[in-house]
């Protein structure tokens, strides 16, 4: 199992490209990933193999449950495959960039089984919220 760790601040370049940090990139098998809408206004990046495993869990869930159907819609409607070039860059689709409010400055974080891309300011605000909640 892959373990994505760390926090990085790569910028978006022309053509909506972002270079994945080498430590994260080294955990990805192959040259394709799956991007999808995250839960807190971020973009999820999954290694393609891990995405298939996660997707299979959702596909196996009962379609008779409303929450299951909504989660499937949320996950699959925004999901797209993306190629990672030889320099570790990938193109962020406009719909996902808009959803996450990403323009130029980002925070790319390892979140265990996946990577998240956040608008830099949104990430820092969310991190402060998490810190306050954990401090209790």
C-alpha atoms as a PDB file:
ATOM      1  CA  UNK A   1       0.000   0.000   0.000  1.00  0.00           C
ATOM      2  CA  UNK A   2       1.206   3.461  -0.867  1.00  0.00           C
ATOM      3  CA  UNK A   3       1.706   6.054   1.834  1.00  0.00           C
ATOM      4  CA  UNK A   4       1.545   9.647   0.657  1.00  0.00           C
ATOM      5  CA  UNK A   5       3.132  11.976   3.229  1.00  0.00           C
ATOM      6  CA  UNK A   6       4.143  15.607   3.529  1.00  0.00           C
ATOM      7  CA  UNK A   7       3.042  19.124   2.627  1.00  0.00           C
ATOM      8  CA  UNK A   8       4.307  21.051  -0.389  1.00  0.00           C
ATOM      9  CA  UNK A   9       3.579  24.365  -2.149  1.00  0.00           C
ATOM     10  CA  UNK A  10       3.962  23.985  -5.925  1.00  0.00           C
ATOM     11  CA  UNK A  11       2.420  26.678  -8.131  1.00  0.00           C
ATOM     12  CA  UNK A  12       0.055  26.173 -11.026  1.00  0.00           C
ATOM     13  CA  UNK A  13       1.815  26.982 -14.276  1.00  0.00           C
ATOM     14  CA  UNK A  14       0.531  27.936 -17.695  1.00  0.00           C
ATOM     15  CA  UNK A  15      -1.935  25.428 -19.078  1.00  0.00           C
ATOM     16  CA  UNK A  16      -3.219  24.561 -15.571  1.00  0.00           C
ATOM     17  CA  UNK A  17      -0.245  22.299 -14.913  1.00  0.00           C
ATOM     18  CA  UNK A  18       1.076  21.359 -11.533  1.00  0.00           C
ATOM     19  CA  UNK A  19       4.277  19.458 -10.801  1.00  0.00           C
ATOM     20  CA  UNK A  20       3.782  16.771  -8.204  1.00  0.00           C
ATOM     21  CA  UNK A  21       6.578  16.711  -5.630  1.00  0.00           C
ATOM     22  CA  UNK A  22       9.049  13.886  -6.225  1.00  0.00           C
ATOM     23  CA  UNK A  23       8.376  12.204  -2.861  1.00  0.00           C
ATOM     24  CA  UNK A  24       4.696  11.899  -3.781  1.00  0.00           C
ATOM     25  CA  UNK A  25       5.351  11.056  -7.416  1.00  0.00           C
ATOM     26  CA  UNK A  26       7.628   8.188  -6.421  1.00  0.00           C
ATOM     27  CA  UNK A  27       4.649   6.483  -4.743  1.00  0.00           C
ATOM     28  CA  UNK A  28       2.593   6.470  -7.958  1.00  0.00           C
ATOM     29  CA  UNK A  29       2.785   3.372 -10.129  1.00  0.00           C
ATOM     30  CA  UNK A  30       2.709   4.103 -13.828  1.00  0.00           C
ATOM     31  CA  UNK A  31       2.022   7.434 -15.466  1.00  0.00           C
ATOM     32  CA  UNK A  32      -1.712   7.831 -14.859  1.00  0.00           C
ATOM     33  CA  UNK A  33      -3.663   9.005 -11.857  1.00  0.00           C
ATOM     34  CA  UNK A  34      -7.334   9.654 -11.182  1.00  0.00           C
ATOM     35  CA  UNK A  35      -8.444  13.105 -10.093  1.00  0.00           C
ATOM     36  CA  UNK A  36     -11.771  13.735  -8.393  1.00  0.00           C
ATOM     37  CA  UNK A  37     -13.655  16.223  -6.266  1.00  0.00           C
ATOM     38  CA  UNK A  38     -12.555  16.091  -2.635  1.00  0.00           C
ATOM     39  CA  UNK A  39     -14.845  16.548   0.334  1.00  0.00           C
ATOM     40  CA  UNK A  40     -13.571  19.896   1.655  1.00  0.00           C
ATOM     41  CA  UNK A  41     -13.083  21.972  -1.492  1.00  0.00           C
ATOM     42  CA  UNK A  42      -9.924  20.207  -2.612  1.00  0.00           C
ATOM     43  CA  UNK A  43      -8.928  17.859  -5.413  1.00  0.00           C
ATOM     44  CA  UNK A  44      -8.188  14.219  -4.632  1.00  0.00           C
ATOM     45  CA  UNK A  45      -5.464  12.414  -6.573  1.00  0.00           C
ATOM     46  CA  UNK A  46      -5.387   8.632  -6.454  1.00  0.00           C
ATOM     47  CA  UNK A  47      -2.891   6.237  -7.910  1.00  0.00           C
ATOM     48  CA  UNK A  48      -4.959   4.517 -10.609  1.00  0.00           C
ATOM     49  CA  UNK A  49      -4.693   1.117  -8.934  1.00  0.00           C
ATOM     50  CA  UNK A  50      -5.816   2.556  -5.583  1.00  0.00           C
ATOM     51  CA  UNK A  51      -8.712   4.346  -7.294  1.00  0.00           C
ATOM     52  CA  UNK A  52      -9.925   1.062  -8.766  1.00  0.00           C
ATOM     53  CA  UNK A  53      -9.810  -0.537  -5.301  1.00  0.00           C
ATOM     54  CA  UNK A  54     -11.706   2.387  -3.741  1.00  0.00           C
ATOM     55  CA  UNK A  55     -14.215   2.489  -6.601  1.00  0.00           C
ATOM     56  CA  UNK A  56     -14.893  -1.237  -6.244  1.00  0.00           C
ATOM     57  CA  UNK A  57     -15.850  -0.683  -2.595  1.00  0.00           C
ATOM     58  CA  UNK A  58     -18.433   1.861  -3.708  1.00  0.00           C
ATOM     59  CA  UNK A  59     -19.707  -0.274  -6.576  1.00  0.00           C
ATOM     60  CA  UNK A  60     -20.224  -3.171  -4.163  1.00  0.00           C
ATOM     61  CA  UNK A  61     -22.308  -0.991  -1.816  1.00  0.00           C
ATOM     62  CA  UNK A  62     -26.091  -1.396  -2.085  1.00  0.00           C
ATOM     63  CA  UNK A  63     -27.671   0.954  -4.601  1.00  0.00           C
ATOM     64  CA  UNK A  64     -30.888   0.900  -2.584  1.00  0.00           C
ATOM     65  CA  UNK A  65     -29.304   3.229   0.003  1.00  0.00           C
ATOM     66  CA  UNK A  66     -29.675   6.961  -0.770  1.00  0.00           C
ATOM     67  CA  UNK A  67     -26.337   7.936   0.855  1.00  0.00           C
ATOM     68  CA  UNK A  68     -24.553   5.273  -1.185  1.00  0.00           C
ATOM     69  CA  UNK A  69     -26.065   6.561  -4.433  1.00  0.00           C
ATOM     70  CA  UNK A  70     -25.150  10.137  -3.578  1.00  0.00           C
ATOM     71  CA  UNK A  71     -21.572   9.195  -2.697  1.00  0.00           C
ATOM     72  CA  UNK A  72     -21.224   7.316  -5.996  1.00  0.00           C
ATOM     73  CA  UNK A  73     -22.512  10.355  -7.884  1.00  0.00           C
ATOM     74  CA  UNK A  74     -20.151  12.639  -5.995  1.00  0.00           C
ATOM     75  CA  UNK A  75     -17.131  10.412  -6.593  1.00  0.00           C
ATOM     76  CA  UNK A  76     -17.663   9.306 -10.160  1.00  0.00           C
ATOM     77  CA  UNK A  77     -19.210  12.387 -11.793  1.00  0.00           C
ATOM     78  CA  UNK A  78     -16.101  14.498 -11.284  1.00  0.00           C
ATOM     79  CA  UNK A  79     -13.510  11.727 -11.692  1.00  0.00           C
ATOM     80  CA  UNK A  80     -11.116  11.896 -14.602  1.00  0.00           C
ATOM     81  CA  UNK A  81      -7.921  10.148 -15.570  1.00  0.00           C
ATOM     82  CA  UNK A  82      -4.846  12.318 -15.964  1.00  0.00           C
ATOM     83  CA  UNK A  83      -1.449  11.555 -17.426  1.00  0.00           C
ATOM     84  CA  UNK A  84       1.669  12.399 -15.428  1.00  0.00           C
ATOM     85  CA  UNK A  85       4.405  13.526 -17.826  1.00  0.00           C
ATOM     86  CA  UNK A  86       8.111  12.690 -17.551  1.00  0.00           C
ATOM     87  CA  UNK A  87       8.674  15.781 -15.364  1.00  0.00           C
ATOM     88  CA  UNK A  88       5.926  14.774 -12.949  1.00  0.00           C
ATOM     89  CA  UNK A  89       3.415  17.348 -14.157  1.00  0.00           C
ATOM     90  CA  UNK A  90      -0.274  16.881 -14.754  1.00  0.00           C
ATOM     91  CA  UNK A  91      -3.043  19.127 -16.021  1.00  0.00           C
ATOM     92  CA  UNK A  92      -5.818  20.065 -13.610  1.00  0.00           C
ATOM     93  CA  UNK A  93      -9.222  20.100 -15.311  1.00  0.00           C
ATOM     94  CA  UNK A  94     -11.019  23.456 -15.151  1.00  0.00           C
ATOM     95  CA  UNK A  95     -14.062  22.026 -13.351  1.00  0.00           C
ATOM     96  CA  UNK A  96     -11.922  20.652 -10.507  1.00  0.00           C
ATOM     97  CA  UNK A  97      -9.796  23.806 -10.263  1.00  0.00           C
ATOM     98  CA  UNK A  98     -12.958  25.908 -10.052  1.00  0.00           C
ATOM     99  CA  UNK A  99     -14.502  23.590  -7.453  1.00  0.00           C
ATOM    100  CA  UNK A 100     -11.409  23.847  -5.231  1.00  0.00           C
ATOM    101  CA  UNK A 101     -10.956  27.598  -5.839  1.00  0.00           C
ATOM    102  CA  UNK A 102      -7.403  27.057  -7.043  1.00  0.00           C
ATOM    103  CA  UNK A 103      -5.783  29.795  -9.080  1.00  0.00           C
ATOM    104  CA  UNK A 104      -1.992  29.838  -8.698  1.00  0.00           C
ATOM    105  CA  UNK A 105      -0.676  29.103  -5.212  1.00  0.00           C
ATOM    106  CA  UNK A 106      -1.412  25.612  -3.897  1.00  0.00           C
ATOM    107  CA  UNK A 107      -0.857  23.295  -0.997  1.00  0.00           C
ATOM    108  CA  UNK A 108      -0.302  19.694  -2.053  1.00  0.00           C
ATOM    109  CA  UNK A 109      -0.552  17.292   0.832  1.00  0.00           C
ATOM    110  CA  UNK A 110      -0.012  13.616   1.321  1.00  0.00           C
ATOM    111  CA  UNK A 111      -3.140  12.240   2.988  1.00  0.00           C
ATOM    112  CA  UNK A 112      -2.123   8.621   3.509  1.00  0.00           C
ATOM    113  CA  UNK A 113      -3.817   6.692   0.721  1.00  0.00           C
ATOM    114  CA  UNK A 114      -4.226   9.687  -1.604  1.00  0.00           C
ATOM    115  CA  UNK A 115      -2.922  13.179  -2.416  1.00  0.00           C
ATOM    116  CA  UNK A 116      -4.917  16.378  -2.013  1.00  0.00           C
ATOM    117  CA  UNK A 117      -4.487  19.671  -3.850  1.00  0.00           C
ATOM    118  CA  UNK A 118      -5.830  22.754  -2.068  1.00  0.00           C
ATOM    119  CA  UNK A 119      -5.849  26.464  -2.676  1.00  0.00           C
ATOM    120  CA  UNK A 120      -2.989  27.607  -0.410  1.00  0.00           C
ATOM    121  CA  UNK A 121      -5.092  30.000   1.711  1.00  0.00           C
ATOM    122  CA  UNK A 122      -7.991  27.531   1.989  1.00  0.00           C
ATOM    123  CA  UNK A 123      -5.587  24.827   3.217  1.00  0.00           C
ATOM    124  CA  UNK A 124      -4.106  27.095   5.878  1.00  0.00           C
ATOM    125  CA  UNK A 125      -7.590  28.096   7.089  1.00  0.00           C
ATOM    126  CA  UNK A 126      -8.657  24.436   7.193  1.00  0.00           C
ATOM    127  CA  UNK A 127      -5.464  23.457   9.005  1.00  0.00           C
ATOM    128  CA  UNK A 128      -6.141  26.121  11.677  1.00  0.00           C
ATOM    129  CA  UNK A 129      -9.674  24.760  12.064  1.00  0.00           C
ATOM    130  CA  UNK A 130      -8.341  21.210  12.482  1.00  0.00           C
ATOM    131  CA  UNK A 131      -5.753  22.399  15.027  1.00  0.00           C
ATOM    132  CA  UNK A 132      -8.404  24.236  17.062  1.00  0.00           C
ATOM    133  CA  UNK A 133     -10.725  21.214  17.046  1.00  0.00           C
ATOM    134  CA  UNK A 134      -7.948  18.867  18.120  1.00  0.00           C
ATOM    135  CA  UNK A 135      -6.824  21.240  20.882  1.00  0.00           C
ATOM    136  CA  UNK A 136     -10.353  21.022  22.096  1.00  0.00           C
END
